[in-house]
Each structure stands twice: as C-alpha cells, then as structure tokens.
Amino acid sequence: MIDRIPIPNPFGWEGLSTFSLLMMLAFLVGSYTLPKELARKKLDPSHSDWLIFLGILGTLIGAKVFFIFEIWDQIFVNVPGYEGRFIYPITHWNGFPGQPGLWSSLFSGGGLVFFGGLLFGMLFIILYFRYFKLDTAAYLDAVVPSVSIGYAIGRLGCFISGDGCYGFATEANIPFFVFEFHGAHPSGVPVWNTPVMESIMAFGYFAYFQYWARYQNFKKLSIGAQFLILHGIARLSIEFLRVNKAVFPFIDPPNMVNIPDASGNPTFLTGYYWHGFSQSQYISLALIIAGVIMMVRGKLWQKEVQPA
C-alpha cells in the first residue's frame, strides 16, 4: 500500500495522498455520471454541480463527526493526575496526554468514517432539494448510481492508502480477501481485507442500478429505497469482520478494544472478534428498516403507470 506518491519539491512536502486522490476520483466520476442521469430522467442537469459540492461538503463534515463518536471513549477518559474529564479535552487542543484530542482529531487529515460522510452528504443534498422545491423522490433516484460508484471507489482509497480500516486476524486462506496488511497500522498477521470486500459489493449494486434498475420505470423513490436496503445489508455484513467496537457488547469484549501502536497490532488483531453491534451496524439496520418501510408503504416494487 502507498500512503503518498512522492513528488520532488524544495518545500519538504511529502507528496500526494493516495486516499485523497481516490476520493477526488470518486467525486469526478460522480460529476460525470450525475448530469447524464438527470438529463435522461428529464430533470434539470444544471443542479448537478451544486449536488456534487454539497456531497463533498457533507462527506467531509459527516465523516469527521462520526469519527469523533467512534473514539469518544478515548477522548473523554479519566486520566490520573488530570481533573475535568469533559472540560480538559475541550480546552486543550491535543486532549489528555497519550489520548486522542477532540479538536486535533476533528481537524486532522486522517480519521474519516465513511458512513458519516454518506449520511451527511445525503442530508445536505435532500435539504437542497427541499429548499429549491425540487421533486425530491425523482432527483434522489437519479443520484443513487453516482453515490454507489463514488462509495465503491472511495473504499478502494482506504485499501490503497493503507489507512488501517481492515478486519481482524483470521486463519482463512482466501486470496485477495485475506492479506497481511502493511500500511499506516501494519498488522503482522493475516487479516480480512474488508475495504476491498465492501468495494466489490458497492461496485455490484452500482452495476445493478446503472445497467438495470434505472431502466425499469419503478415508482419514484424506489431506487432510493433499494439503495438504503442494499447498502445497509452490505455494511451490516462487512462489520462482522471489521475492527469496530460494539456500542453495547452482547458477549464479553476482547481484552483490548482500542488499536494499539504498531508493535502491539499482531496481539491485538489475533485476539479481536465481533462482540456486538457497532455504531455502523445500528445505522445499517436503521437504513434497511427505513428502506423496507418505504418500499412497503409506497409499493415501490411496482412500475409507473404509463399514460394511455
């Protein structure tokens, strides 16, 4: 894995971040496919630039906000010798010594939770539809293929850059789906290749939407509801293999639940296992339920009635 592409320069700049490049590619592909789909559905393609911008803005904000929620228990901790469990991290940029800081984590270049980015991006886009009184259901259906391909490419960025969002250790020997990670958080043991696995699933439902579903003349909002269900199922399933703490453990958690420094990773990953639904899994369940309710209430599996 390559975190950065080195570029000779006199300023000491480390080079281009491969994760940022893949994220940029994801939005460029979306900016290419979205106006074409809007035009195909006889919607106004001039909105596409604003939709892409709001998608980027929402992704950046949401991904950071959800990351803070994931490491909340590491920021607001009881550290011997320091008073103010909740006040100290707010008034000190780097937080408690040896712990991630609230503000330093929020404004750092790393630490992005894709689910938060996806949800905030969609929220900003829907608010845009509401503000300009657009047909939210029709426009949302048009956005889905672009969101799907963008998510698939973005997940590849996690793998290529080596940012560490892999699964825990396994004895399974499955080429491409199991590998020994060497990136920002080297594993030293075979782990589940969850970024690529999720990317493959995302490319799969992108192909479904792009090359079949969008031509089936489903009722409005059907494509949006199907996306919630398919994406929710994909993320729910992949989380059983990922290193993510349970919100409420169903079984005794591993001895270590926070990622240690690189030297401790083999022990940490070998002893890690799924011990309850993570934040992402609860969100996935909510998306699946919302999508199913939308499908049932609107009978969205039916086709639009063509005028005689």
C-alpha atoms as a PDB file:
ATOM      1  CA  MET A   1       0.000   0.000   0.000  1.00  0.00           C
ATOM      2  CA  ILE A   2       1.109   3.550  -0.767  1.00  0.00           C
ATOM      3  CA  ASP A   3       0.077   6.340   1.590  1.00  0.00           C
ATOM      4  CA  ARG A   4       1.552   9.088  -0.588  1.00  0.00           C
ATOM      5  CA  ILE A   5       3.013   9.476  -4.050  1.00  0.00           C
ATOM      6  CA  PRO A   6       6.355  11.237  -3.531  1.00  0.00           C
ATOM      7  CA  ILE A   7       6.935  14.353  -5.617  1.00  0.00           C
ATOM      8  CA  PRO A   8      10.347  16.062  -5.527  1.00  0.00           C
ATOM      9  CA  ASN A   9       9.964  19.620  -4.250  1.00  0.00           C
ATOM     10  CA  PRO A  10      12.010  22.171  -2.272  1.00  0.00           C
ATOM     11  CA  PHE A  11       9.287  22.720   0.368  1.00  0.00           C
ATOM     12  CA  GLY A  12       9.514  19.386   2.192  1.00  0.00           C
ATOM     13  CA  TRP A  13       6.015  18.419   1.017  1.00  0.00           C
ATOM     14  CA  GLU A  14       5.517  14.691   1.493  1.00  0.00           C
ATOM     15  CA  GLY A  15       3.586  14.216  -1.738  1.00  0.00           C
ATOM     16  CA  LEU A  16       0.073  13.438  -2.938  1.00  0.00           C
ATOM     17  CA  SER A  17      -2.136  11.452  -0.587  1.00  0.00           C
ATOM     18  CA  THR A  18      -3.400   8.357  -2.412  1.00  0.00           C
ATOM     19  CA  PHE A  19      -6.556   8.368  -0.292  1.00  0.00           C
ATOM     20  CA  SER A  20      -7.286  11.967  -1.339  1.00  0.00           C
ATOM     21  CA  LEU A  21      -6.625  11.082  -4.978  1.00  0.00           C
ATOM     22  CA  LEU A  22      -9.110   8.206  -4.859  1.00  0.00           C
ATOM     23  CA  MET A  23     -11.666  10.407  -3.121  1.00  0.00           C
ATOM     24  CA  MET A  24     -11.176  13.032  -5.837  1.00  0.00           C
ATOM     25  CA  LEU A  25     -11.599  10.353  -8.496  1.00  0.00           C
ATOM     26  CA  ALA A  26     -14.811   9.210  -6.805  1.00  0.00           C
ATOM     27  CA  PHE A  27     -16.308  12.697  -6.990  1.00  0.00           C
ATOM     28  CA  LEU A  28     -15.074  13.235 -10.570  1.00  0.00           C
ATOM     29  CA  VAL A  29     -16.772  10.027 -11.690  1.00  0.00           C
ATOM     30  CA  GLY A  30     -19.915  11.127  -9.886  1.00  0.00           C
ATOM     31  CA  SER A  31     -19.762  14.533 -11.563  1.00  0.00           C
ATOM     32  CA  TYR A  32     -19.624  12.738 -14.928  1.00  0.00           C
ATOM     33  CA  THR A  33     -22.475  10.274 -14.343  1.00  0.00           C
ATOM     34  CA  LEU A  34     -24.892  12.513 -12.409  1.00  0.00           C
ATOM     35  CA  PRO A  35     -25.771  15.147 -15.068  1.00  0.00           C
ATOM     36  CA  LYS A  36     -26.213  12.402 -17.647  1.00  0.00           C
ATOM     37  CA  GLU A  37     -28.710  10.609 -15.414  1.00  0.00           C
ATOM     38  CA  LEU A  38     -30.552  13.840 -14.603  1.00  0.00           C
ATOM     39  CA  ALA A  39     -30.874  14.596 -18.302  1.00  0.00           C
ATOM     40  CA  ARG A  40     -32.006  11.028 -19.037  1.00  0.00           C
ATOM     41  CA  LYS A  41     -34.778  11.363 -16.441  1.00  0.00           C
ATOM     42  CA  LYS A  42     -35.740  14.767 -17.926  1.00  0.00           C
ATOM     43  CA  LEU A  43     -34.609  16.568 -14.768  1.00  0.00           C
ATOM     44  CA  ASP A  44     -32.524  19.754 -14.716  1.00  0.00           C
ATOM     45  CA  PRO A  45     -28.825  18.770 -15.032  1.00  0.00           C
ATOM     46  CA  SER A  46     -27.720  22.291 -14.010  1.00  0.00           C
ATOM     47  CA  HIS A  47     -28.230  21.241 -10.387  1.00  0.00           C
ATOM     48  CA  SER A  48     -25.509  18.606 -10.632  1.00  0.00           C
ATOM     49  CA  ASP A  49     -22.613  20.941  -9.746  1.00  0.00           C
ATOM     50  CA  TRP A  50     -24.269  22.038  -6.513  1.00  0.00           C
ATOM     51  CA  LEU A  51     -25.213  18.467  -5.671  1.00  0.00           C
ATOM     52  CA  ILE A  52     -21.593  17.338  -6.110  1.00  0.00           C
ATOM     53  CA  PHE A  53     -20.335  20.246  -3.980  1.00  0.00           C
ATOM     54  CA  LEU A  54     -22.835  19.551  -1.196  1.00  0.00           C
ATOM     55  CA  GLY A  55     -21.994  15.861  -1.401  1.00  0.00           C
ATOM     56  CA  ILE A  56     -18.290  16.661  -0.875  1.00  0.00           C
ATOM     57  CA  LEU A  57     -19.006  19.117   1.955  1.00  0.00           C
ATOM     58  CA  GLY A  58     -21.377  16.736   3.711  1.00  0.00           C
ATOM     59  CA  THR A  59     -18.956  13.845   3.291  1.00  0.00           C
ATOM     60  CA  LEU A  60     -16.092  15.740   4.915  1.00  0.00           C
ATOM     61  CA  ILE A  61     -18.185  17.032   7.817  1.00  0.00           C
ATOM     62  CA  GLY A  62     -20.098  13.818   8.471  1.00  0.00           C
ATOM     63  CA  ALA A  63     -17.044  11.579   8.229  1.00  0.00           C
ATOM     64  CA  LYS A  64     -15.276  13.649  10.896  1.00  0.00           C
ATOM     65  CA  VAL A  65     -18.280  13.937  13.209  1.00  0.00           C
ATOM     66  CA  PHE A  66     -18.879  10.180  13.159  1.00  0.00           C
ATOM     67  CA  PHE A  67     -15.167   9.538  13.748  1.00  0.00           C
ATOM     68  CA  ILE A  68     -15.361  11.576  16.955  1.00  0.00           C
ATOM     69  CA  PHE A  69     -18.321   9.469  18.072  1.00  0.00           C
ATOM     70  CA  GLU A  70     -16.304   6.302  17.411  1.00  0.00           C
ATOM     71  CA  ILE A  71     -13.380   7.408  19.599  1.00  0.00           C
ATOM     72  CA  TRP A  72     -15.481   9.210  22.217  1.00  0.00           C
ATOM     73  CA  ASP A  73     -14.404   6.826  24.984  1.00  0.00           C
ATOM     74  CA  GLN A  74     -10.730   7.534  24.209  1.00  0.00           C
ATOM     75  CA  ILE A  75     -11.133  11.319  24.286  1.00  0.00           C
ATOM     76  CA  PHE A  76     -13.192  11.720  27.457  1.00  0.00           C
ATOM     77  CA  VAL A  77     -11.416   9.410  29.888  1.00  0.00           C
ATOM     78  CA  ASN A  78     -10.305   9.570  33.500  1.00  0.00           C
ATOM     79  CA  VAL A  79      -6.573  10.214  33.425  1.00  0.00           C
ATOM     80  CA  PRO A  80      -4.808  10.101  36.824  1.00  0.00           C
ATOM     81  CA  GLY A  81      -3.409  13.472  37.791  1.00  0.00           C
ATOM     82  CA  TYR A  82      -5.723  15.425  35.489  1.00  0.00           C
ATOM     83  CA  GLU A  83      -9.038  16.948  36.535  1.00  0.00           C
ATOM     84  CA  GLY A  84     -12.023  17.572  34.329  1.00  0.00           C
ATOM     85  CA  ARG A  85     -12.925  14.543  32.250  1.00  0.00           C
ATOM     86  CA  PHE A  86     -15.145  16.609  29.943  1.00  0.00           C
ATOM     87  CA  ILE A  87     -13.667  20.080  30.344  1.00  0.00           C
ATOM     88  CA  TYR A  88      -9.983  19.269  29.748  1.00  0.00           C
ATOM     89  CA  PRO A  89     -10.366  17.836  26.182  1.00  0.00           C
ATOM     90  CA  ILE A  90     -12.481  20.872  25.231  1.00  0.00           C
ATOM     91  CA  THR A  91      -9.943  23.404  26.497  1.00  0.00           C
ATOM     92  CA  HIS A  92      -6.794  21.574  25.317  1.00  0.00           C
ATOM     93  CA  TRP A  93      -6.194  21.033  21.595  1.00  0.00           C
ATOM     94  CA  ASN A  94      -4.424  17.660  21.939  1.00  0.00           C
ATOM     95  CA  GLY A  95      -6.563  16.357  24.788  1.00  0.00           C
ATOM     96  CA  PHE A  96      -5.177  14.241  27.605  1.00  0.00           C
ATOM     97  CA  PRO A  97      -1.550  13.075  27.247  1.00  0.00           C
ATOM     98  CA  GLY A  98      -1.399   9.776  25.406  1.00  0.00           C
ATOM     99  CA  GLN A  99      -5.027  10.052  24.247  1.00  0.00           C
ATOM    100  CA  PRO A 100      -6.566  11.436  21.027  1.00  0.00           C
ATOM    101  CA  GLY A 101      -7.659  15.043  21.355  1.00  0.00           C
ATOM    102  CA  LEU A 102     -11.135  16.278  20.459  1.00  0.00           C
ATOM    103  CA  TRP A 103     -10.016  19.229  18.333  1.00  0.00           C
ATOM    104  CA  SER A 104      -6.794  17.696  16.994  1.00  0.00           C
ATOM    105  CA  SER A 105      -8.786  14.650  15.841  1.00  0.00           C
ATOM    106  CA  LEU A 106     -11.607  16.727  14.399  1.00  0.00           C
ATOM    107  CA  PHE A 107      -9.288  18.865  12.242  1.00  0.00           C
ATOM    108  CA  SER A 108      -6.643  16.277  11.381  1.00  0.00           C
ATOM    109  CA  GLY A 109      -6.169  14.892   7.883  1.00  0.00           C
ATOM    110  CA  GLY A 110      -6.975  11.325   8.954  1.00  0.00           C
ATOM    111  CA  GLY A 111      -9.837   9.703  10.803  1.00  0.00           C
ATOM    112  CA  LEU A 112     -12.813   9.543   8.443  1.00  0.00           C
ATOM    113  CA  VAL A 113     -15.900   7.386   8.900  1.00  0.00           C
ATOM    114  CA  PHE A 114     -17.488   6.695   5.524  1.00  0.00           C
ATOM    115  CA  PHE A 115     -20.960   6.081   6.906  1.00  0.00           C
ATOM    116  CA  GLY A 116     -20.998   9.523   8.493  1.00  0.00           C
ATOM    117  CA  GLY A 117     -19.886  11.042   5.207  1.00  0.00           C
ATOM    118  CA  LEU A 118     -22.571   9.184   3.288  1.00  0.00           C
ATOM    119  CA  LEU A 119     -25.379  10.189   5.662  1.00  0.00           C
ATOM    120  CA  PHE A 120     -24.367  13.853   5.921  1.00  0.00           C
ATOM    121  CA  GLY A 121     -23.805  14.059   2.169  1.00  0.00           C
ATOM    122  CA  MET A 122     -27.287  12.688   1.510  1.00  0.00           C
ATOM    123  CA  LEU A 123     -28.747  15.018   4.168  1.00  0.00           C
ATOM    124  CA  PHE A 124     -27.209  18.107   2.568  1.00  0.00           C
ATOM    125  CA  ILE A 125     -28.446  17.008  -0.858  1.00  0.00           C
ATOM    126  CA  ILE A 126     -32.003  16.385   0.372  1.00  0.00           C
ATOM    127  CA  LEU A 127     -32.059  19.798   2.083  1.00  0.00           C
ATOM    128  CA  TYR A 128     -31.035  21.304  -1.259  1.00  0.00           C
ATOM    129  CA  PHE A 129     -33.965  19.546  -2.958  1.00  0.00           C
ATOM    130  CA  ARG A 130     -36.330  20.871  -0.310  1.00  0.00           C
ATOM    131  CA  TYR A 131     -35.007  24.415  -0.464  1.00  0.00           C
ATOM    132  CA  PHE A 132     -35.474  24.680  -4.232  1.00  0.00           C
ATOM    133  CA  LYS A 133     -38.749  22.730  -4.110  1.00  0.00           C
ATOM    134  CA  LEU A 134     -37.453  20.036  -6.458  1.00  0.00           C
ATOM    135  CA  ASP A 135     -39.040  16.628  -6.870  1.00  0.00           C
ATOM    136  CA  THR A 136     -37.036  15.011  -4.064  1.00  0.00           C
ATOM    137  CA  ALA A 137     -38.010  11.437  -4.928  1.00  0.00           C
ATOM    138  CA  ALA A 138     -37.132  11.761  -8.621  1.00  0.00           C
ATOM    139  CA  TYR A 139     -33.842  13.570  -8.014  1.00  0.00           C
ATOM    140  CA  LEU A 140     -32.823  11.175  -5.245  1.00  0.00           C
ATOM    141  CA  ASP A 141     -33.354   8.207  -7.561  1.00  0.00           C
ATOM    142  CA  ALA A 142     -31.112   9.918 -10.126  1.00  0.00           C
ATOM    143  CA  VAL A 143     -28.358  10.493  -7.557  1.00  0.00           C
ATOM    144  CA  VAL A 144     -28.152   6.860  -6.384  1.00  0.00           C
ATOM    145  CA  PRO A 145     -25.927   5.406  -9.170  1.00  0.00           C
ATOM    146  CA  SER A 146     -23.384   8.194  -8.710  1.00  0.00           C
ATOM    147  CA  VAL A 147     -23.358   7.745  -4.936  1.00  0.00           C
ATOM    148  CA  SER A 148     -22.848   3.996  -5.383  1.00  0.00           C
ATOM    149  CA  ILE A 149     -19.851   4.292  -7.721  1.00  0.00           C
ATOM    150  CA  GLY A 150     -18.368   7.063  -5.576  1.00  0.00           C
ATOM    151  CA  TYR A 151     -18.579   4.896  -2.468  1.00  0.00           C
ATOM    152  CA  ALA A 152     -17.028   1.932  -4.280  1.00  0.00           C
ATOM    153  CA  ILE A 153     -14.038   3.998  -5.443  1.00  0.00           C
ATOM    154  CA  GLY A 154     -13.667   5.672  -2.062  1.00  0.00           C
ATOM    155  CA  ARG A 155     -13.420   2.310  -0.327  1.00  0.00           C
ATOM    156  CA  LEU A 156     -10.576   1.376  -2.663  1.00  0.00           C
ATOM    157  CA  GLY A 157      -8.863   4.529  -1.422  1.00  0.00           C
ATOM    158  CA  CYS A 158      -8.846   3.019   2.080  1.00  0.00           C
ATOM    159  CA  PHE A 159      -7.068  -0.066   0.764  1.00  0.00           C
ATOM    160  CA  ILE A 160      -4.546   1.658  -1.500  1.00  0.00           C
ATOM    161  CA  SER A 161      -3.535   4.288   1.067  1.00  0.00           C
ATOM    162  CA  GLY A 162      -3.212   1.733   3.856  1.00  0.00           C
ATOM    163  CA  ASP A 163      -5.198   3.731   6.402  1.00  0.00           C
ATOM    164  CA  GLY A 164      -5.929   0.656   8.508  1.00  0.00           C
ATOM    165  CA  CYS A 165      -9.690   0.048   8.150  1.00  0.00           C
ATOM    166  CA  TYR A 166      -9.151  -3.683   7.744  1.00  0.00           C
ATOM    167  CA  GLY A 167     -10.631  -6.638   9.600  1.00  0.00           C
ATOM    168  CA  PHE A 168      -9.259  -8.674  12.456  1.00  0.00           C
ATOM    169  CA  ALA A 169      -6.921 -11.649  12.123  1.00  0.00           C
ATOM    170  CA  THR A 170      -8.093 -14.886  10.523  1.00  0.00           C
ATOM    171  CA  GLU A 171      -6.685 -18.304   9.693  1.00  0.00           C
ATOM    172  CA  ALA A 172      -8.697 -18.447   6.467  1.00  0.00           C
ATOM    173  CA  ASN A 173      -6.586 -18.589   3.314  1.00  0.00           C
ATOM    174  CA  ILE A 174      -8.679 -16.785   0.712  1.00  0.00           C
ATOM    175  CA  PRO A 175      -6.663 -14.949  -1.951  1.00  0.00           C
ATOM    176  CA  PHE A 176      -7.479 -11.259  -2.257  1.00  0.00           C
ATOM    177  CA  PHE A 177      -9.948 -11.359   0.672  1.00  0.00           C
ATOM    178  CA  VAL A 178      -7.282 -12.144   3.278  1.00  0.00           C
ATOM    179  CA  PHE A 179      -3.900 -10.417   3.335  1.00  0.00           C
ATOM    180  CA  GLU A 180      -1.159  -9.261   5.675  1.00  0.00           C
ATOM    181  CA  PHE A 181      -1.656  -5.547   5.964  1.00  0.00           C
ATOM    182  CA  HIS A 182       1.315  -3.188   5.615  1.00  0.00           C
ATOM    183  CA  GLY A 183       0.153   0.382   5.857  1.00  0.00           C
ATOM    184  CA  ALA A 184      -0.429   3.066   8.449  1.00  0.00           C
ATOM    185  CA  HIS A 185      -1.310   0.405  11.036  1.00  0.00           C
ATOM    186  CA  PRO A 186       0.663  -2.716   9.999  1.00  0.00           C
ATOM    187  CA  SER A 187      -0.924  -5.926  11.204  1.00  0.00           C
ATOM    188  CA  GLY A 188       1.860  -8.527  11.107  1.00  0.00           C
ATOM    189  CA  VAL A 189      -0.816 -11.219  10.764  1.00  0.00           C
ATOM    190  CA  PRO A 190      -3.306 -12.242   8.019  1.00  0.00           C
ATOM    191  CA  VAL A 191      -6.438 -10.086   8.318  1.00  0.00           C
ATOM    192  CA  TRP A 192      -9.736  -9.759   6.487  1.00  0.00           C
ATOM    193  CA  ASN A 193      -9.433  -7.384   3.530  1.00  0.00           C
ATOM    194  CA  THR A 194     -12.665  -5.588   4.390  1.00  0.00           C
ATOM    195  CA  PRO A 195     -12.111  -2.399   2.304  1.00  0.00           C
ATOM    196  CA  VAL A 196     -11.847  -4.400  -0.935  1.00  0.00           C
ATOM    197  CA  MET A 197     -14.707  -6.700   0.068  1.00  0.00           C
ATOM    198  CA  GLU A 198     -17.002  -3.734   0.661  1.00  0.00           C
ATOM    199  CA  SER A 199     -15.816  -2.032  -2.521  1.00  0.00           C
ATOM    200  CA  ILE A 200     -16.706  -5.125  -4.550  1.00  0.00           C
ATOM    201  CA  MET A 201     -20.202  -5.138  -3.043  1.00  0.00           C
ATOM    202  CA  ALA A 202     -20.601  -1.431  -3.815  1.00  0.00           C
ATOM    203  CA  PHE A 203     -19.497  -1.954  -7.437  1.00  0.00           C
ATOM    204  CA  GLY A 204     -22.059  -4.755  -7.554  1.00  0.00           C
ATOM    205  CA  TYR A 205     -25.040  -2.644  -6.560  1.00  0.00           C
ATOM    206  CA  PHE A 206     -23.760   0.215  -8.722  1.00  0.00           C
ATOM    207  CA  ALA A 207     -23.892  -2.164 -11.711  1.00  0.00           C
ATOM    208  CA  TYR A 208     -27.417  -3.202 -10.661  1.00  0.00           C
ATOM    209  CA  PHE A 209     -28.628   0.415 -10.524  1.00  0.00           C
ATOM    210  CA  GLN A 210     -26.673   1.697 -13.530  1.00  0.00           C
ATOM    211  CA  TYR A 211     -27.354  -1.073 -16.012  1.00  0.00           C
ATOM    212  CA  TRP A 212     -30.731  -2.487 -14.977  1.00  0.00           C
ATOM    213  CA  ALA A 213     -32.805  -0.928 -12.200  1.00  0.00           C
ATOM    214  CA  ARG A 214     -32.859   2.643 -13.501  1.00  0.00           C
ATOM    215  CA  TYR A 215     -34.408   1.451 -16.782  1.00  0.00           C
ATOM    216  CA  GLN A 216     -37.245  -0.477 -15.137  1.00  0.00           C
ATOM    217  CA  ASN A 217     -39.564   2.514 -14.669  1.00  0.00           C
ATOM    218  CA  PHE A 218     -40.076   1.787 -10.975  1.00  0.00           C
ATOM    219  CA  LYS A 219     -42.196   4.207  -8.967  1.00  0.00           C
ATOM    220  CA  LYS A 220     -40.441   7.309  -7.718  1.00  0.00           C
ATOM    221  CA  LEU A 221     -38.234   6.734  -4.665  1.00  0.00           C
ATOM    222  CA  SER A 222     -37.942   3.020  -5.416  1.00  0.00           C
ATOM    223  CA  ILE A 223     -34.278   3.331  -6.439  1.00  0.00           C
ATOM    224  CA  GLY A 224     -33.566   5.365  -3.292  1.00  0.00           C
ATOM    225  CA  ALA A 225     -35.276   2.796  -1.070  1.00  0.00           C
ATOM    226  CA  GLN A 226     -33.455  -0.072  -2.768  1.00  0.00           C
ATOM    227  CA  PHE A 227     -30.148   1.711  -2.215  1.00  0.00           C
ATOM    228  CA  LEU A 228     -30.843   2.030   1.515  1.00  0.00           C
ATOM    229  CA  ILE A 229     -31.586  -1.685   1.740  1.00  0.00           C
ATOM    230  CA  LEU A 230     -28.658  -2.896  -0.381  1.00  0.00           C
ATOM    231  CA  HIS A 231     -26.097  -0.563   1.133  1.00  0.00           C
ATOM    232  CA  GLY A 232     -27.373  -1.314   4.627  1.00  0.00           C
ATOM    233  CA  ILE A 233     -27.070  -5.070   4.084  1.00  0.00           C
ATOM    234  CA  ALA A 234     -23.556  -4.713   2.627  1.00  0.00           C
ATOM    235  CA  ARG A 235     -22.262  -2.637   5.525  1.00  0.00           C
ATOM    236  CA  LEU A 236     -24.084  -4.688   8.164  1.00  0.00           C
ATOM    237  CA  SER A 237     -22.452  -7.873   6.905  1.00  0.00           C
ATOM    238  CA  ILE A 238     -18.925  -6.475   6.485  1.00  0.00           C
ATOM    239  CA  GLU A 239     -18.938  -5.104  10.031  1.00  0.00           C
ATOM    240  CA  PHE A 240     -18.920  -8.661  11.404  1.00  0.00           C
ATOM    241  CA  LEU A 241     -15.323  -8.900  10.116  1.00  0.00           C
ATOM    242  CA  ARG A 242     -14.104  -5.363  10.830  1.00  0.00           C
ATOM    243  CA  VAL A 243     -12.314  -3.974  13.851  1.00  0.00           C
ATOM    244  CA  ASN A 244     -15.110  -1.873  15.329  1.00  0.00           C
ATOM    245  CA  LYS A 245     -16.149  -1.736  18.955  1.00  0.00           C
ATOM    246  CA  ALA A 246     -19.652  -2.753  19.995  1.00  0.00           C
ATOM    247  CA  VAL A 247     -21.916   0.004  21.263  1.00  0.00           C
ATOM    248  CA  PHE A 248     -23.448  -2.454  23.741  1.00  0.00           C
ATOM    249  CA  PRO A 249     -21.455  -5.722  23.898  1.00  0.00           C
ATOM    250  CA  PHE A 250     -23.568  -8.868  23.562  1.00  0.00           C
ATOM    251  CA  ILE A 251     -20.697 -11.051  24.729  1.00  0.00           C
ATOM    252  CA  ASP A 252     -17.511 -10.370  26.668  1.00  0.00           C
ATOM    253  CA  PRO A 253     -15.375  -7.953  24.602  1.00  0.00           C
ATOM    254  CA  PRO A 254     -11.740  -8.709  23.708  1.00  0.00           C
ATOM    255  CA  ASN A 255      -9.040  -7.826  26.218  1.00  0.00           C
ATOM    256  CA  MET A 256      -8.035  -4.891  24.014  1.00  0.00           C
ATOM    257  CA  VAL A 257     -10.671  -2.946  22.088  1.00  0.00           C
ATOM    258  CA  ASN A 258      -8.641   0.116  21.056  1.00  0.00           C
ATOM    259  CA  ILE A 259      -5.996  -0.132  18.326  1.00  0.00           C
ATOM    260  CA  PRO A 260      -2.543  -0.010  19.983  1.00  0.00           C
ATOM    261  CA  ASP A 261       0.720   1.185  18.454  1.00  0.00           C
ATOM    262  CA  ALA A 262       2.145  -0.788  15.538  1.00  0.00           C
ATOM    263  CA  SER A 263       4.183  -3.141  17.729  1.00  0.00           C
ATOM    264  CA  GLY A 264       1.063  -4.335  19.535  1.00  0.00           C
ATOM    265  CA  ASN A 265      -1.094  -4.898  16.486  1.00  0.00           C
ATOM    266  CA  PRO A 266      -0.456  -8.640  15.956  1.00  0.00           C
ATOM    267  CA  THR A 267      -1.545  -9.466  19.514  1.00  0.00           C
ATOM    268  CA  PHE A 268      -4.482  -7.061  19.338  1.00  0.00           C
ATOM    269  CA  LEU A 269      -5.799  -8.332  15.987  1.00  0.00           C
ATOM    270  CA  THR A 270      -5.316 -12.011  16.827  1.00  0.00           C
ATOM    271  CA  GLY A 271      -7.416 -11.611  19.965  1.00  0.00           C
ATOM    272  CA  TYR A 272     -10.098  -9.414  18.392  1.00  0.00           C
ATOM    273  CA  TYR A 273     -13.576 -10.678  17.476  1.00  0.00           C
ATOM    274  CA  TRP A 274     -17.099  -9.409  16.894  1.00  0.00           C
ATOM    275  CA  HIS A 275     -18.747  -8.888  20.278  1.00  0.00           C
ATOM    276  CA  GLY A 276     -21.862  -6.857  19.498  1.00  0.00           C
ATOM    277  CA  PHE A 277     -23.365  -4.437  17.003  1.00  0.00           C
ATOM    278  CA  SER A 278     -21.121  -1.470  16.209  1.00  0.00           C
ATOM    279  CA  GLN A 279     -22.258   2.089  15.539  1.00  0.00           C
ATOM    280  CA  SER A 280     -22.200   1.347  11.803  1.00  0.00           C
ATOM    281  CA  GLN A 281     -24.288  -1.802  12.218  1.00  0.00           C
ATOM    282  CA  TYR A 282     -27.033   0.042  14.104  1.00  0.00           C
ATOM    283  CA  ILE A 283     -27.074   2.661  11.347  1.00  0.00           C
ATOM    284  CA  SER A 284     -27.166  -0.127   8.750  1.00  0.00           C
ATOM    285  CA  LEU A 285     -30.175  -1.703  10.467  1.00  0.00           C
ATOM    286  CA  ALA A 286     -31.911   1.687  10.536  1.00  0.00           C
ATOM    287  CA  LEU A 287     -31.271   2.155   6.791  1.00  0.00           C
ATOM    288  CA  ILE A 288     -32.581  -1.319   5.979  1.00  0.00           C
ATOM    289  CA  ILE A 289     -35.730  -0.798   8.059  1.00  0.00           C
ATOM    290  CA  ALA A 290     -36.318   2.660   6.539  1.00  0.00           C
ATOM    291  CA  GLY A 291     -35.871   1.251   3.024  1.00  0.00           C
ATOM    292  CA  VAL A 292     -38.252  -1.643   3.660  1.00  0.00           C
ATOM    293  CA  ILE A 293     -40.896   0.676   5.153  1.00  0.00           C
ATOM    294  CA  MET A 294     -40.605   2.963   2.129  1.00  0.00           C
ATOM    295  CA  MET A 295     -40.925   0.012  -0.256  1.00  0.00           C
ATOM    296  CA  VAL A 296     -43.970  -1.446   1.520  1.00  0.00           C
ATOM    297  CA  ARG A 297     -45.852   1.786   2.170  1.00  0.00           C
ATOM    298  CA  GLY A 298     -45.376   3.035  -1.373  1.00  0.00           C
ATOM    299  CA  LYS A 299     -45.481  -0.391  -3.082  1.00  0.00           C
ATOM    300  CA  LEU A 300     -42.295   0.749  -4.771  1.00  0.00           C
ATOM    301  CA  TRP A 301     -41.638  -2.584  -6.461  1.00  0.00           C
ATOM    302  CA  GLN A 302     -44.411  -1.659  -8.900  1.00  0.00           C
ATOM    303  CA  LYS A 303     -43.825   0.167 -12.177  1.00  0.00           C
ATOM    304  CA  GLU A 304     -45.114   3.645 -13.009  1.00  0.00           C
ATOM    305  CA  VAL A 305     -48.346   3.591 -14.971  1.00  0.00           C
ATOM    306  CA  GLN A 306     -47.700   4.890 -18.471  1.00  0.00           C
ATOM    307  CA  PRO A 307     -50.256   7.427 -19.797  1.00  0.00           C
ATOM    308  CA  ALA A 308     -52.603   5.965 -22.405  1.00  0.00           C
END
